[in-house]
Amino acid sequence: MTTTPDAVDRHIERWLPVVPDLDPDVEGAVTRMIRLTRHLRTVKERVLVDLDLPAHEYDTLHALAGRGGRAAPSDLAADLTMAPASITARVDALLRRGFVRRIPSTVDRRRVDVELTEAGQAAWRGAMEVQGAEEHRLLGALTATERRHLSDLLRRVLLVAEQPQSAPETD
C-alpha cells in the first residue's frame, strides 16, 4: 500500500474531530470514488467540447455503437431511458451532421432503423479513445492483479447497491 497522503486523507483528518465516529476507510473509499468519477466526467466533457460533440449526441452514438452500429429508434430510446418520441430529435441532429443514416429495417419493412456512418463511428471512437487513455493512465498505477482485485471488490459493492433497500423495522 502507498503511504503518500492524498487530498482525501487531508479531508478525513479535517472531519474526524468534527465527526468522531467517522469510519476513515468508508469515507476514504467513497470520497475517492466520487473524486475519480468527477475527474473522469470532466475528462469526458472536455473531450466532447474539443470534438464539438454535445453529450446527448455522444450518448446516442455510444448506444448505437453498442448495438453493432444499427438499431431501431425504439431500442435506442430504451437504452437511453428516453421516451421513443424523444429519440427522433437526436437522430435528426445526428443525421444533419452525417453521423447516422436512416435505412429500411431488415425485419419489418414498415420500420426504419438508424445506422452509424463512418463519420459517426469516427466521432464516437475519437471520444472513446481519449477517455479510455485516461482510464488506463489512472488504473496504470495498479498491477494487472490489483486492477482485477479492485474490479472484483467494486462488483461486490455494486451488487449491494443494486439490491432494493429493505424497509426499516418498526416496533
Protein backbone atom coordinates (compact mmCIF):
# COMPACT_ATOMS: atom_id res chain seq x y z
CA MET A 1 0.00 0.00 0.00
CA THR A 2 1.06 3.57 -0.62
CA THR A 3 1.81 5.79 2.32
CA THR A 4 1.77 9.04 0.37
CA PRO A 5 -1.21 11.04 1.64
CA ASP A 6 -3.68 12.43 -0.86
CA ALA A 7 -6.37 15.13 -0.69
CA VAL A 8 -8.84 12.62 0.75
CA ASP A 9 -6.51 11.82 3.65
CA ARG A 10 -6.45 15.54 4.45
CA HIS A 11 -10.27 15.64 4.13
CA ILE A 12 -10.59 12.79 6.64
CA GLU A 13 -8.15 14.42 9.06
CA ARG A 14 -10.24 17.59 8.95
CA TRP A 15 -13.53 15.77 9.56
CA LEU A 16 -12.52 13.24 12.22
CA PRO A 17 -12.58 15.82 15.04
CA VAL A 18 -15.99 17.04 13.84
CA VAL A 19 -17.46 13.55 13.35
CA PRO A 20 -15.61 11.30 15.82
CA ASP A 21 -17.45 8.12 14.72
CA LEU A 22 -16.47 8.69 11.08
CA ASP A 23 -15.10 5.48 9.57
CA PRO A 24 -11.96 6.64 7.72
CA ASP A 25 -11.98 3.60 5.44
CA VAL A 26 -15.60 4.09 4.35
CA GLU A 27 -15.16 7.85 4.00
CA GLY A 28 -11.89 7.36 2.14
CA ALA A 29 -13.27 4.82 -0.31
CA VAL A 30 -16.48 6.71 -1.05
CA THR A 31 -14.79 10.11 -1.35
CA ARG A 32 -12.11 8.68 -3.65
CA MET A 33 -14.78 7.04 -5.86
CA ILE A 34 -16.65 10.35 -6.04
CA ARG A 35 -13.49 12.29 -6.93
CA LEU A 36 -12.43 9.75 -9.55
CA THR A 37 -15.91 9.79 -11.09
CA ARG A 38 -15.85 13.60 -11.13
CA HIS A 39 -12.39 13.56 -12.74
CA LEU A 40 -13.48 11.12 -15.47
CA ARG A 41 -16.66 13.13 -16.10
CA THR A 42 -14.53 16.28 -16.52
CA VAL A 43 -12.24 14.50 -18.99
CA LYS A 44 -15.29 13.31 -20.95
CA GLU A 45 -16.83 16.79 -21.00
CA ARG A 46 -13.54 18.34 -22.15
CA VAL A 47 -13.04 15.85 -24.97
CA LEU A 48 -16.63 16.29 -26.15
CA VAL A 49 -16.14 20.06 -26.27
CA ASP A 50 -12.85 19.58 -28.15
CA LEU A 51 -14.63 17.34 -30.66
CA ASP A 52 -17.67 19.65 -30.90
CA LEU A 53 -19.85 16.74 -29.86
CA PRO A 54 -22.70 17.51 -27.44
CA ALA A 55 -23.05 14.93 -24.66
CA HIS A 56 -26.52 13.84 -25.79
CA GLU A 57 -25.20 13.20 -29.31
CA TYR A 58 -22.25 11.23 -27.94
CA ASP A 59 -24.58 9.19 -25.72
CA THR A 60 -26.76 8.36 -28.73
CA LEU A 61 -23.74 7.38 -30.86
CA HIS A 62 -22.48 5.28 -27.93
CA ALA A 63 -25.83 3.47 -27.60
CA LEU A 64 -25.89 2.87 -31.35
CA ALA A 65 -22.31 1.58 -31.39
CA GLY A 66 -23.20 -0.74 -28.52
CA ARG A 67 -25.84 -2.31 -30.74
CA GLY A 68 -23.37 -3.05 -33.52
CA GLY A 69 -23.87 0.28 -35.27
CA ARG A 70 -27.50 -0.30 -36.23
CA ALA A 71 -30.71 -0.21 -34.22
CA ALA A 72 -34.36 0.68 -34.20
CA PRO A 73 -35.07 4.09 -32.68
CA SER A 74 -37.22 2.38 -30.03
CA ASP A 75 -34.21 0.27 -28.98
CA LEU A 76 -32.05 3.39 -28.70
CA ALA A 77 -34.76 5.09 -26.64
CA ALA A 78 -34.84 2.09 -24.28
CA ASP A 79 -31.04 2.07 -23.97
CA LEU A 80 -31.04 5.79 -23.19
CA THR A 81 -34.14 5.53 -20.93
CA MET A 82 -35.97 8.09 -23.04
CA ALA A 83 -39.43 8.26 -24.48
CA PRO A 84 -39.35 6.85 -28.04
CA ALA A 85 -40.68 10.14 -29.46
CA SER A 86 -37.72 11.99 -27.91
CA ILE A 87 -35.15 9.98 -29.83
CA THR A 88 -36.34 11.42 -33.15
CA ALA A 89 -34.80 14.86 -32.49
CA ARG A 90 -31.49 13.26 -31.53
CA VAL A 91 -31.44 11.12 -34.65
CA ASP A 92 -32.38 14.15 -36.79
CA ALA A 93 -29.44 16.15 -35.38
CA LEU A 94 -27.02 13.26 -35.95
CA LEU A 95 -28.42 12.81 -39.46
CA ARG A 96 -27.75 16.50 -40.28
CA ARG A 97 -24.15 16.08 -39.10
CA GLY A 98 -23.68 12.99 -41.26
CA PHE A 99 -23.11 10.73 -38.22
CA VAL A 100 -26.07 8.42 -38.91
CA ARG A 101 -28.39 7.45 -41.71
CA ARG A 102 -31.88 6.00 -41.74
CA ILE A 103 -32.22 2.70 -43.52
CA PRO A 104 -35.09 0.26 -44.03
CA SER A 105 -35.34 -2.40 -41.36
CA THR A 106 -34.40 -5.93 -42.32
CA VAL A 107 -37.09 -7.39 -40.03
CA ASP A 108 -40.07 -5.09 -40.62
CA ARG A 109 -40.50 -3.17 -43.86
CA ARG A 110 -42.68 -0.58 -42.08
CA ARG A 111 -39.83 0.32 -39.74
CA VAL A 112 -36.73 2.42 -40.32
CA ASP A 113 -33.51 1.69 -38.45
CA VAL A 114 -30.67 4.07 -37.61
CA GLU A 115 -27.14 3.19 -38.69
CA LEU A 116 -23.78 4.75 -37.84
CA THR A 117 -21.89 6.26 -40.75
CA GLU A 118 -18.09 6.26 -40.97
CA ALA A 119 -18.14 9.86 -39.69
CA GLY A 120 -20.33 8.86 -36.74
CA GLN A 121 -18.10 5.91 -35.96
CA ALA A 122 -15.02 8.16 -36.11
CA ALA A 123 -16.59 10.79 -33.81
CA TRP A 124 -17.62 8.14 -31.28
CA ARG A 125 -14.23 6.40 -31.41
CA GLY A 126 -12.36 9.68 -31.08
CA ALA A 127 -14.14 10.44 -27.81
CA MET A 128 -13.77 6.87 -26.57
CA GLU A 129 -10.03 6.77 -27.25
CA VAL A 130 -9.31 9.87 -25.17
CA GLN A 131 -11.50 8.68 -22.30
CA GLY A 132 -10.02 5.20 -22.47
CA ALA A 133 -6.48 6.57 -22.43
CA GLU A 134 -7.24 8.49 -19.23
CA GLU A 135 -8.83 5.43 -17.61
CA HIS A 136 -5.73 3.38 -18.46
CA ARG A 137 -3.47 6.16 -17.18
CA LEU A 138 -5.27 6.21 -13.83
CA LEU A 139 -5.50 2.47 -13.40
CA GLY A 140 -1.93 2.08 -14.62
CA ALA A 141 -0.99 2.89 -11.01
CA LEU A 142 -2.07 -0.70 -10.26
CA THR A 143 -0.74 -4.04 -11.44
CA ALA A 144 -2.99 -6.24 -13.54
CA THR A 145 -3.72 -8.36 -10.46
CA GLU A 146 -4.59 -5.27 -8.41
CA ARG A 147 -6.90 -4.00 -11.18
CA ARG A 148 -8.71 -7.34 -11.22
CA HIS A 149 -8.98 -7.29 -7.42
CA LEU A 150 -10.31 -3.71 -7.45
CA SER A 151 -12.86 -4.63 -10.10
CA ASP A 152 -13.98 -7.66 -8.07
CA LEU A 153 -14.31 -5.60 -4.89
CA LEU A 154 -16.30 -2.89 -6.66
CA ARG A 155 -18.56 -5.57 -8.15
CA ARG A 156 -19.39 -6.79 -4.64
CA VAL A 157 -20.24 -3.26 -3.54
CA LEU A 158 -22.31 -2.59 -6.67
CA LEU A 159 -24.30 -5.78 -6.20
CA VAL A 160 -25.37 -4.46 -2.80
CA ALA A 161 -26.26 -1.07 -4.32
CA GLU A 162 -28.36 -2.79 -7.00
CA GLN A 163 -30.46 -4.59 -4.41
CA PRO A 164 -33.57 -2.82 -3.15
CA GLN A 165 -33.14 -1.46 0.34
CA SER A 166 -35.25 -3.22 2.91
CA ALA A 167 -37.73 -1.09 4.81
CA PRO A 168 -36.64 -0.18 8.32
CA GLU A 169 -38.19 -2.32 11.00
CA THR A 170 -40.87 -0.69 13.13
CA ASP A 171 -41.75 -1.59 16.68
